[in-house]
């Protein structure tokens, strides 16, 4: 049986062009338009402004290494931390020696930054999130850092703990997610204190 290609070619090309317009042009523009109308803050990157200048995004973590600031979750992105262009985890399993060594190094850095702190170190301060871009830490991780920040900024620990409490976000619908705090927002609030 001989198959005729020529009669099938035109309908295939027409269908290809229609699907390209529908899926490649119409649908993306429609979704972007709905996003701009319904969720304009999120659709434009959830940008955080300070004195009229963009200082970051509420949805993407940033690296803070100064002892004056709260430190966020570790980032597994490369070639630099919190690189949104290469979002992803490290893919290192819990028994991988490289992950164990990295965690030991992070624990040592936390202890060196605050040698008097004998509290247990929250796990989110020594491990990366699945995306490597998590902008939030647990309230326990923020509280763990309170003594270091209070000492360096010459503030009372109670002031820092109060700041953490005011910027804490709780579970969605009282059962989804964990209580947390956005590191960028908390650090901006710290700067406003001084």
N, C-alpha and C. Protein backbone atom coordinates (compact mmCIF):
# COMPACT_ATOMS: atom_id res chain seq x y z
N UNK A 1 0.84 -1.17 0.00
CA UNK A 1 0.00 0.00 0.00
C UNK A 1 0.88 1.24 0.00
N UNK A 2 0.64 2.12 -0.92
CA UNK A 2 1.44 3.32 -1.09
C UNK A 2 0.77 4.47 -0.35
N UNK A 3 1.53 5.20 0.51
CA UNK A 3 1.00 6.32 1.27
C UNK A 3 1.34 7.60 0.54
N UNK A 4 0.33 8.44 0.36
CA UNK A 4 0.51 9.71 -0.31
C UNK A 4 0.83 10.77 0.73
N UNK A 5 2.00 11.37 0.68
CA UNK A 5 2.45 12.37 1.65
C UNK A 5 1.88 13.75 1.32
N UNK A 6 1.80 14.08 0.07
CA UNK A 6 1.41 15.42 -0.35
C UNK A 6 0.05 15.85 0.21
N UNK A 7 -1.01 15.03 0.17
CA UNK A 7 -2.30 15.47 0.72
C UNK A 7 -2.27 15.66 2.24
N UNK A 8 -1.34 15.00 2.94
CA UNK A 8 -1.24 15.11 4.40
C UNK A 8 -0.40 16.30 4.86
N UNK A 9 0.43 16.81 3.98
CA UNK A 9 1.37 17.86 4.35
C UNK A 9 0.68 19.18 4.68
N UNK A 10 -0.26 19.60 3.87
CA UNK A 10 -0.94 20.88 4.11
C UNK A 10 -1.70 20.89 5.43
N UNK A 11 -2.56 19.90 5.73
CA UNK A 11 -3.26 19.91 7.03
C UNK A 11 -2.29 19.88 8.22
N UNK A 12 -1.18 19.16 8.07
CA UNK A 12 -0.20 19.10 9.15
C UNK A 12 0.45 20.46 9.39
N UNK A 13 0.80 21.16 8.32
CA UNK A 13 1.40 22.49 8.47
C UNK A 13 0.40 23.51 9.04
N UNK A 14 -0.85 23.43 8.61
CA UNK A 14 -1.88 24.34 9.14
C UNK A 14 -2.08 24.07 10.63
N UNK A 15 -2.17 22.81 11.00
CA UNK A 15 -2.34 22.45 12.41
C UNK A 15 -1.13 22.91 13.24
N UNK A 16 0.07 22.74 12.69
CA UNK A 16 1.30 23.18 13.36
C UNK A 16 1.26 24.69 13.59
N UNK A 17 0.87 25.46 12.59
CA UNK A 17 0.80 26.92 12.71
C UNK A 17 -0.25 27.34 13.73
N UNK A 18 -1.42 26.71 13.71
CA UNK A 18 -2.47 27.04 14.67
C UNK A 18 -2.06 26.72 16.11
N UNK A 19 -1.47 25.57 16.32
CA UNK A 19 -1.03 25.20 17.67
C UNK A 19 0.11 26.09 18.15
N UNK A 20 0.98 26.50 17.23
CA UNK A 20 2.05 27.43 17.59
C UNK A 20 1.48 28.76 18.06
N UNK A 21 0.51 29.27 17.33
CA UNK A 21 -0.14 30.53 17.73
C UNK A 21 -0.89 30.38 19.05
N UNK A 22 -1.62 29.28 19.19
CA UNK A 22 -2.41 29.07 20.39
C UNK A 22 -1.52 28.85 21.62
N UNK A 23 -0.58 27.92 21.52
CA UNK A 23 0.24 27.54 22.68
C UNK A 23 1.47 28.41 22.88
N UNK A 24 1.99 28.98 21.79
CA UNK A 24 3.23 29.75 21.88
C UNK A 24 3.03 31.25 21.96
N UNK A 25 1.85 31.73 21.59
CA UNK A 25 1.61 33.18 21.61
C UNK A 25 0.40 33.53 22.47
N UNK A 26 -0.78 33.03 22.08
CA UNK A 26 -2.01 33.42 22.77
C UNK A 26 -2.00 33.02 24.25
N UNK A 27 -1.74 31.75 24.55
CA UNK A 27 -1.79 31.27 25.93
C UNK A 27 -0.78 31.99 26.84
N UNK A 28 0.51 32.12 26.48
CA UNK A 28 1.44 32.83 27.36
C UNK A 28 1.04 34.28 27.62
N UNK A 29 0.59 34.99 26.57
CA UNK A 29 0.17 36.38 26.78
C UNK A 29 -1.08 36.47 27.64
N UNK A 30 -2.00 35.52 27.48
CA UNK A 30 -3.21 35.50 28.29
C UNK A 30 -2.86 35.27 29.77
N UNK A 31 -2.00 34.30 30.05
CA UNK A 31 -1.60 34.00 31.43
C UNK A 31 -0.83 35.17 32.03
N UNK A 32 0.07 35.78 31.26
CA UNK A 32 0.82 36.95 31.75
C UNK A 32 -0.14 38.10 32.05
N UNK A 33 -1.13 38.31 31.19
CA UNK A 33 -2.11 39.37 31.42
C UNK A 33 -2.94 39.13 32.67
N UNK A 34 -3.39 37.90 32.86
CA UNK A 34 -4.15 37.56 34.07
C UNK A 34 -3.28 37.77 35.30
N UNK A 35 -2.02 37.36 35.22
CA UNK A 35 -1.10 37.55 36.35
C UNK A 35 -0.93 39.02 36.69
N UNK A 36 -0.82 39.87 35.67
CA UNK A 36 -0.65 41.31 35.91
C UNK A 36 -1.90 41.92 36.54
N UNK A 37 -3.07 41.39 36.20
CA UNK A 37 -4.32 41.93 36.74
C UNK A 37 -4.60 41.39 38.14
N UNK A 38 -4.47 40.09 38.33
CA UNK A 38 -4.85 39.45 39.59
C UNK A 38 -3.73 39.50 40.63
N UNK A 39 -2.48 39.27 40.23
CA UNK A 39 -1.35 39.22 41.16
C UNK A 39 -0.21 40.10 40.66
N UNK A 40 -0.38 41.41 40.56
CA UNK A 40 0.68 42.25 39.96
C UNK A 40 1.98 42.24 40.75
N UNK A 41 1.92 42.22 42.09
CA UNK A 41 3.14 42.22 42.90
C UNK A 41 3.96 40.96 42.63
N UNK A 42 3.33 39.80 42.67
CA UNK A 42 4.03 38.54 42.44
C UNK A 42 4.49 38.40 40.98
N UNK A 43 3.63 38.82 40.03
CA UNK A 43 3.97 38.69 38.61
C UNK A 43 5.17 39.54 38.22
N UNK A 44 5.42 40.60 38.97
CA UNK A 44 6.55 41.47 38.68
C UNK A 44 7.76 41.18 39.56
N UNK A 45 7.79 40.03 40.19
CA UNK A 45 8.97 39.59 40.92
C UNK A 45 8.95 39.81 42.41
N UNK A 46 7.85 40.28 42.98
CA UNK A 46 7.76 40.53 44.43
C UNK A 46 8.95 41.34 44.91
N UNK A 47 9.23 42.43 44.22
CA UNK A 47 10.41 43.25 44.51
C UNK A 47 10.23 44.03 45.81
N UNK A 48 11.29 44.06 46.60
CA UNK A 48 11.32 44.79 47.87
C UNK A 48 12.10 46.07 47.65
N UNK A 49 11.50 47.20 48.02
CA UNK A 49 12.12 48.51 47.81
C UNK A 49 12.61 49.08 49.14
N UNK A 50 13.73 49.79 49.07
CA UNK A 50 14.25 50.54 50.21
C UNK A 50 14.67 51.90 49.66
N UNK A 51 14.06 52.95 50.16
CA UNK A 51 14.33 54.31 49.69
C UNK A 51 14.15 54.43 48.17
N UNK A 52 13.14 53.74 47.64
CA UNK A 52 12.85 53.82 46.22
C UNK A 52 13.73 52.97 45.33
N UNK A 53 14.65 52.20 45.91
CA UNK A 53 15.53 51.34 45.13
C UNK A 53 15.24 49.88 45.43
N UNK A 54 15.32 49.04 44.42
CA UNK A 54 15.10 47.61 44.59
C UNK A 54 16.28 47.01 45.34
N UNK A 55 16.00 46.32 46.45
CA UNK A 55 17.06 45.68 47.23
C UNK A 55 16.97 44.16 47.20
N UNK A 56 15.94 43.64 46.56
CA UNK A 56 15.80 42.20 46.46
C UNK A 56 14.38 41.80 46.17
N UNK A 57 14.13 40.51 46.30
CA UNK A 57 12.80 39.95 46.07
C UNK A 57 12.36 39.22 47.32
N UNK A 58 11.09 39.30 47.63
CA UNK A 58 10.55 38.58 48.78
C UNK A 58 10.46 37.08 48.52
N UNK A 59 10.65 36.67 47.26
CA UNK A 59 10.50 35.26 46.90
C UNK A 59 11.81 34.54 46.60
N UNK A 60 12.92 35.28 46.54
CA UNK A 60 14.21 34.67 46.24
C UNK A 60 15.20 35.05 47.33
N UNK A 61 15.86 34.06 47.89
CA UNK A 61 16.82 34.30 48.96
C UNK A 61 18.01 35.12 48.50
N UNK A 62 18.65 35.75 49.45
CA UNK A 62 19.86 36.50 49.19
C UNK A 62 20.91 36.08 50.22
N UNK A 63 22.17 36.20 49.83
CA UNK A 63 23.23 35.82 50.75
C UNK A 63 23.57 37.00 51.66
N UNK A 64 23.52 36.73 52.96
CA UNK A 64 23.97 37.69 53.97
C UNK A 64 25.07 37.00 54.76
N UNK A 65 26.25 37.60 54.80
CA UNK A 65 27.36 36.98 55.51
C UNK A 65 27.87 37.83 56.66
N UNK A 66 27.45 39.08 56.74
CA UNK A 66 27.88 39.95 57.83
C UNK A 66 27.26 39.49 59.15
N UNK A 67 28.03 39.53 60.24
CA UNK A 67 27.45 39.14 61.53
C UNK A 67 26.37 40.10 62.02
N UNK A 68 26.23 41.25 61.37
CA UNK A 68 25.20 42.23 61.74
C UNK A 68 23.81 41.82 61.27
N UNK A 69 23.73 40.80 60.41
CA UNK A 69 22.47 40.43 59.78
C UNK A 69 22.10 38.98 60.08
N UNK A 70 20.82 38.69 59.92
CA UNK A 70 20.36 37.30 59.97
C UNK A 70 20.86 36.60 58.72
N UNK A 71 21.28 35.37 58.89
CA UNK A 71 21.74 34.57 57.76
C UNK A 71 20.60 33.65 57.34
N UNK A 72 20.44 33.49 56.04
CA UNK A 72 19.37 32.65 55.51
C UNK A 72 19.84 31.22 55.32
N UNK A 73 19.03 30.48 54.62
CA UNK A 73 19.38 29.09 54.31
C UNK A 73 20.55 29.04 53.35
N UNK A 74 21.26 27.96 53.41
CA UNK A 74 22.36 27.74 52.48
C UNK A 74 21.79 27.57 51.08
N UNK A 75 22.57 27.92 50.09
CA UNK A 75 22.14 27.80 48.71
C UNK A 75 23.08 26.84 47.98
N UNK A 76 22.48 25.93 47.22
CA UNK A 76 23.29 24.97 46.46
C UNK A 76 23.47 25.42 45.02
N UNK A 77 23.02 26.63 44.68
CA UNK A 77 23.15 27.09 43.30
C UNK A 77 24.59 27.49 43.01
N UNK A 78 24.95 27.41 41.76
CA UNK A 78 26.30 27.80 41.38
C UNK A 78 26.22 28.63 40.12
N UNK A 79 27.18 29.40 39.77
CA UNK A 79 28.49 29.56 40.40
C UNK A 79 28.47 30.47 41.62
N UNK A 80 27.32 31.05 41.95
CA UNK A 80 27.23 31.90 43.14
C UNK A 80 25.98 31.52 43.92
N UNK A 81 25.95 31.81 45.22
CA UNK A 81 24.78 31.48 46.03
C UNK A 81 23.55 32.26 45.58
N UNK A 82 22.38 31.66 45.76
CA UNK A 82 21.09 32.29 45.47
C UNK A 82 21.00 32.79 44.03
N UNK A 83 21.53 32.02 43.10
CA UNK A 83 21.51 32.35 41.69
C UNK A 83 20.22 31.78 41.08
N UNK A 84 19.25 32.66 40.82
CA UNK A 84 17.94 32.21 40.32
C UNK A 84 18.04 31.55 38.95
N UNK A 85 19.08 31.83 38.20
CA UNK A 85 19.24 31.23 36.88
C UNK A 85 19.62 29.76 36.96
N UNK A 86 20.11 29.31 38.10
CA UNK A 86 20.48 27.89 38.22
C UNK A 86 19.84 27.27 39.46
N UNK A 87 18.56 27.51 39.63
CA UNK A 87 17.82 26.99 40.78
C UNK A 87 17.87 25.47 40.80
N UNK A 88 18.08 24.93 41.97
CA UNK A 88 18.08 23.48 42.14
C UNK A 88 18.87 23.09 43.36
N UNK A 89 18.58 21.92 43.85
CA UNK A 89 19.28 21.40 45.01
C UNK A 89 20.64 20.84 44.64
N UNK A 90 21.36 20.40 45.65
CA UNK A 90 22.70 19.85 45.41
C UNK A 90 22.64 18.41 44.95
N UNK A 91 21.52 17.74 45.18
CA UNK A 91 21.34 16.32 44.85
C UNK A 91 22.30 15.42 45.63
N UNK A 92 22.80 15.90 46.73
CA UNK A 92 23.65 15.07 47.58
C UNK A 92 22.77 14.39 48.61
N UNK A 93 22.91 13.07 48.70
CA UNK A 93 22.12 12.30 49.66
C UNK A 93 22.66 12.44 51.07
N UNK A 94 21.87 12.04 52.08
CA UNK A 94 22.29 12.22 53.47
C UNK A 94 23.54 11.44 53.85
N UNK A 95 23.87 10.40 53.10
CA UNK A 95 25.08 9.64 53.42
C UNK A 95 26.28 10.06 52.58
N UNK A 96 26.11 11.06 51.74
CA UNK A 96 27.20 11.53 50.89
C UNK A 96 28.25 12.26 51.74
N UNK A 97 29.51 11.85 51.67
CA UNK A 97 30.55 12.50 52.47
C UNK A 97 30.70 13.99 52.19
N UNK A 98 30.45 14.43 50.96
CA UNK A 98 30.56 15.85 50.64
C UNK A 98 29.51 16.66 51.38
N UNK A 99 28.29 16.12 51.49
CA UNK A 99 27.23 16.81 52.22
C UNK A 99 27.55 16.84 53.71
N UNK A 100 28.01 15.73 54.24
CA UNK A 100 28.37 15.66 55.66
C UNK A 100 29.48 16.67 55.98
N UNK A 101 30.49 16.75 55.12
CA UNK A 101 31.58 17.71 55.33
C UNK A 101 31.08 19.16 55.23
N UNK A 102 30.18 19.42 54.27
CA UNK A 102 29.64 20.77 54.12
C UNK A 102 28.85 21.17 55.37
N UNK A 103 28.06 20.25 55.90
CA UNK A 103 27.27 20.54 57.11
C UNK A 103 28.19 20.77 58.30
N UNK A 104 29.23 19.97 58.42
CA UNK A 104 30.19 20.17 59.52
C UNK A 104 30.85 21.55 59.42
N UNK A 105 31.19 21.97 58.20
CA UNK A 105 31.78 23.29 58.00
C UNK A 105 30.81 24.40 58.37
N UNK A 106 29.54 24.24 58.02
CA UNK A 106 28.53 25.25 58.34
C UNK A 106 28.30 25.34 59.85
N UNK A 107 28.30 24.19 60.51
CA UNK A 107 28.15 24.18 61.97
C UNK A 107 29.33 24.90 62.62
N UNK A 108 30.53 24.61 62.12
CA UNK A 108 31.73 25.27 62.67
C UNK A 108 31.67 26.78 62.46
N UNK A 109 31.19 27.23 61.29
CA UNK A 109 31.08 28.67 61.02
C UNK A 109 30.06 29.33 61.95
N UNK A 110 28.94 28.67 62.21
CA UNK A 110 27.94 29.21 63.14
C UNK A 110 28.49 29.30 64.56
N UNK A 111 29.21 28.28 64.98
CA UNK A 111 29.79 28.29 66.33
C UNK A 111 30.89 29.33 66.45
N UNK A 112 31.67 29.53 65.39
CA UNK A 112 32.73 30.54 65.42
C UNK A 112 32.15 31.95 65.47
N UNK A 113 31.01 32.17 64.81
CA UNK A 113 30.38 33.49 64.80
C UNK A 113 29.73 33.83 66.13
N UNK A 114 29.33 32.81 66.89
CA UNK A 114 28.66 33.02 68.18
C UNK A 114 29.09 31.93 69.16
N UNK A 115 30.35 32.00 69.64
CA UNK A 115 30.89 30.91 70.46
C UNK A 115 30.14 30.66 71.76
N UNK A 116 29.47 31.68 72.29
CA UNK A 116 28.75 31.50 73.55
C UNK A 116 27.39 30.85 73.40
N UNK A 117 26.93 30.66 72.18
CA UNK A 117 25.60 30.10 71.94
C UNK A 117 25.67 28.58 72.01
N UNK A 118 25.03 28.02 73.02
CA UNK A 118 25.05 26.56 73.22
C UNK A 118 23.72 25.92 72.82
N UNK A 119 22.81 26.70 72.23
CA UNK A 119 21.53 26.15 71.79
C UNK A 119 21.74 25.21 70.62
N UNK A 120 20.83 24.25 70.44
CA UNK A 120 20.94 23.37 69.26
C UNK A 120 20.77 24.18 67.98
N UNK A 121 21.57 23.86 66.98
CA UNK A 121 21.52 24.59 65.71
C UNK A 121 20.38 24.04 64.87
N UNK A 122 19.44 24.90 64.47
CA UNK A 122 18.33 24.44 63.62
C UNK A 122 18.84 23.93 62.28
N UNK A 123 18.21 22.89 61.79
CA UNK A 123 18.67 22.21 60.58
C UNK A 123 18.65 23.12 59.35
N UNK A 124 17.72 24.08 59.31
CA UNK A 124 17.66 24.92 58.11
C UNK A 124 18.80 25.92 58.01
N UNK A 125 19.60 26.06 59.05
CA UNK A 125 20.79 26.93 58.96
C UNK A 125 21.99 26.20 58.37
N UNK A 126 21.93 24.88 58.28
CA UNK A 126 23.08 24.12 57.79
C UNK A 126 22.77 23.30 56.53
N UNK A 127 21.52 23.32 56.08
CA UNK A 127 21.15 22.59 54.87
C UNK A 127 20.52 23.54 53.86
N UNK A 128 20.58 23.18 52.60
CA UNK A 128 19.98 23.99 51.53
C UNK A 128 18.56 23.51 51.27
N UNK A 129 17.75 24.40 50.74
CA UNK A 129 16.40 24.00 50.34
C UNK A 129 16.45 23.29 49.00
N UNK A 130 15.34 22.73 48.58
CA UNK A 130 15.30 22.00 47.31
C UNK A 130 15.60 22.91 46.12
N UNK A 131 15.15 24.16 46.19
CA UNK A 131 15.39 25.08 45.07
C UNK A 131 16.72 25.80 45.20
N UNK A 132 17.26 25.86 46.42
CA UNK A 132 18.48 26.63 46.66
C UNK A 132 18.22 28.12 46.73
N UNK A 133 16.94 28.53 46.74
CA UNK A 133 16.59 29.95 46.70
C UNK A 133 15.64 30.36 47.83
N UNK A 134 15.52 29.57 48.85
CA UNK A 134 14.53 29.81 49.90
C UNK A 134 14.79 31.16 50.59
N UNK A 135 13.82 32.09 50.57
CA UNK A 135 14.02 33.40 51.19
C UNK A 135 13.69 33.41 52.69
N UNK A 136 13.21 32.30 53.21
CA UNK A 136 12.73 32.26 54.59
C UNK A 136 13.48 31.23 55.41
N UNK A 137 13.50 31.48 56.72
CA UNK A 137 14.05 30.52 57.67
C UNK A 137 13.00 30.28 58.75
N UNK A 138 13.18 29.22 59.49
CA UNK A 138 12.25 28.94 60.58
C UNK A 138 12.44 29.97 61.69
N UNK A 139 11.44 30.10 62.52
CA UNK A 139 11.53 31.03 63.64
C UNK A 139 12.64 30.57 64.59
N UNK A 140 12.81 29.26 64.72
CA UNK A 140 13.89 28.73 65.56
C UNK A 140 15.25 29.15 65.03
N UNK A 141 15.42 29.15 63.70
CA UNK A 141 16.69 29.57 63.10
C UNK A 141 16.94 31.05 63.33
N UNK A 142 15.89 31.86 63.27
CA UNK A 142 16.04 33.29 63.55
C UNK A 142 16.36 33.51 65.02
N UNK A 143 15.65 32.82 65.90
CA UNK A 143 15.91 32.96 67.34
C UNK A 143 17.32 32.52 67.71
N UNK A 144 17.83 31.50 67.03
CA UNK A 144 19.20 31.02 67.29
C UNK A 144 20.22 32.14 67.04
N UNK A 145 19.96 32.99 66.07
CA UNK A 145 20.90 34.05 65.69
C UNK A 145 20.74 35.34 66.50
N UNK A 146 19.70 35.39 67.32
CA UNK A 146 19.37 36.63 68.04
C UNK A 146 20.50 37.11 68.94
N UNK A 147 21.17 36.21 69.66
CA UNK A 147 22.22 36.64 70.58
C UNK A 147 23.41 37.24 69.83
N UNK A 148 23.79 36.65 68.71
CA UNK A 148 24.90 37.18 67.91
C UNK A 148 24.58 38.58 67.41
N UNK A 149 23.40 38.74 66.85
CA UNK A 149 23.02 40.04 66.29
C UNK A 149 22.89 41.09 67.38
N UNK A 150 22.32 40.71 68.52
CA UNK A 150 22.18 41.65 69.64
C UNK A 150 23.56 42.11 70.11
N UNK A 151 24.49 41.18 70.22
CA UNK A 151 25.84 41.51 70.68
C UNK A 151 26.55 42.44 69.68
N UNK A 152 26.49 42.11 68.40
CA UNK A 152 27.20 42.89 67.38
C UNK A 152 26.59 44.27 67.21
N UNK A 153 25.27 44.36 67.28
CA UNK A 153 24.59 45.64 67.08
C UNK A 153 24.39 46.42 68.39
N UNK A 154 24.85 45.83 69.49
CA UNK A 154 24.72 46.46 70.80
C UNK A 154 23.26 46.78 71.13
N UNK A 155 22.41 45.78 70.93
CA UNK A 155 21.00 45.85 71.26
C UNK A 155 20.68 44.75 72.25
N UNK A 156 19.54 44.82 72.89
CA UNK A 156 19.16 43.75 73.81
C UNK A 156 18.62 42.56 73.01
N UNK A 157 18.79 41.38 73.57
CA UNK A 157 18.28 40.16 72.92
C UNK A 157 16.75 40.26 72.82
N UNK A 158 16.12 40.85 73.83
CA UNK A 158 14.66 40.99 73.81
C UNK A 158 14.20 41.84 72.63
N UNK A 159 14.97 42.86 72.28
CA UNK A 159 14.63 43.70 71.13
C UNK A 159 14.66 42.88 69.85
N UNK A 160 15.70 42.06 69.70
CA UNK A 160 15.83 41.23 68.50
C UNK A 160 14.72 40.18 68.46
N UNK A 161 14.44 39.54 69.59
CA UNK A 161 13.37 38.54 69.63
C UNK A 161 12.01 39.17 69.33
N UNK A 162 11.79 40.38 69.81
CA UNK A 162 10.55 41.09 69.51
C UNK A 162 10.42 41.39 68.02
N UNK A 163 11.54 41.76 67.40
CA UNK A 163 11.55 42.02 65.96
C UNK A 163 11.21 40.75 65.19
N UNK A 164 11.78 39.62 65.62
CA UNK A 164 11.48 38.34 64.97
C UNK A 164 10.00 38.03 65.11
N UNK A 165 9.45 38.23 66.30
CA UNK A 165 8.03 37.93 66.53
C UNK A 165 7.13 38.81 65.66
N UNK A 166 7.49 40.07 65.49
CA UNK A 166 6.66 40.98 64.68
C UNK A 166 6.70 40.63 63.19
N UNK A 167 7.78 40.02 62.74
CA UNK A 167 7.91 39.70 61.32
C UNK A 167 7.66 38.23 61.00
N UNK A 168 7.21 37.48 61.99
CA UNK A 168 6.94 36.05 61.78
C UNK A 168 5.66 35.87 60.97
N UNK A 169 5.70 34.86 60.11
CA UNK A 169 4.53 34.47 59.32
C UNK A 169 4.14 33.08 59.79
N UNK A 170 2.85 32.87 59.91
CA UNK A 170 2.41 31.59 60.45
C UNK A 170 1.78 30.73 59.36
N UNK A 171 1.31 29.57 59.74
CA UNK A 171 0.81 28.60 58.78
C UNK A 171 -0.38 29.15 57.99
N UNK A 172 -0.44 28.76 56.72
CA UNK A 172 -1.59 29.11 55.90
C UNK A 172 -2.79 28.28 56.37
N UNK A 173 -3.90 28.92 56.57
CA UNK A 173 -5.13 28.25 57.01
C UNK A 173 -4.94 27.46 58.30
N UNK A 174 -3.94 27.83 59.08
CA UNK A 174 -3.62 27.24 60.39
C UNK A 174 -3.16 25.78 60.34
N UNK A 175 -2.83 25.27 59.13
CA UNK A 175 -2.30 23.90 59.08
C UNK A 175 -1.33 23.66 57.93
N UNK A 176 -1.20 24.57 56.98
CA UNK A 176 -0.28 24.37 55.86
C UNK A 176 1.04 25.10 56.10
N UNK A 177 2.13 24.40 55.94
CA UNK A 177 3.44 25.02 56.08
C UNK A 177 3.89 25.13 57.52
N UNK A 178 5.00 25.79 57.70
CA UNK A 178 5.59 25.97 59.02
C UNK A 178 5.71 27.45 59.34
N UNK A 179 5.69 27.82 60.61
CA UNK A 179 5.96 29.22 60.96
C UNK A 179 7.36 29.60 60.47
N UNK A 180 7.50 30.84 59.93
CA UNK A 180 8.75 31.22 59.30
C UNK A 180 8.90 32.73 59.31
N UNK A 181 10.06 33.18 58.86
CA UNK A 181 10.33 34.61 58.77
C UNK A 181 11.16 34.85 57.51
N UNK A 182 10.84 35.94 56.78
CA UNK A 182 11.56 36.29 55.57
C UNK A 182 12.85 37.00 55.97
N UNK A 183 13.98 36.49 55.56
CA UNK A 183 15.29 36.99 55.98
C UNK A 183 15.53 38.42 55.48
N UNK A 184 15.22 38.72 54.23
CA UNK A 184 15.43 40.06 53.70
C UNK A 184 14.58 41.08 54.47
N UNK A 185 13.31 40.79 54.67
CA UNK A 185 12.43 41.71 55.40
C UNK A 185 12.92 41.92 56.83
N UNK A 186 13.39 40.85 57.46
CA UNK A 186 13.89 40.94 58.83
C UNK A 186 15.16 41.80 58.89
N UNK A 187 16.05 41.63 57.92
CA UNK A 187 17.28 42.42 57.91
C UNK A 187 17.01 43.89 57.61
N UNK A 188 16.04 44.17 56.76
CA UNK A 188 15.67 45.56 56.52
C UNK A 188 15.08 46.19 57.79
N UNK A 189 14.30 45.41 58.53
CA UNK A 189 13.75 45.90 59.79
C UNK A 189 14.87 46.14 60.81
N UNK A 190 15.89 45.30 60.77
CA UNK A 190 17.07 45.50 61.65
C UNK A 190 17.74 46.83 61.35
N UNK A 191 17.91 47.12 60.07
CA UNK A 191 18.54 48.39 59.68
C UNK A 191 17.71 49.58 60.13
N UNK A 192 16.40 49.45 60.11
CA UNK A 192 15.54 50.54 60.56
C UNK A 192 15.65 50.78 62.06
N UNK A 193 16.00 49.74 62.81
CA UNK A 193 16.19 49.89 64.27
C UNK A 193 17.37 50.82 64.57
N UNK A 194 18.43 50.71 63.77
CA UNK A 194 19.64 51.50 64.04
C UNK A 194 19.56 52.81 63.29
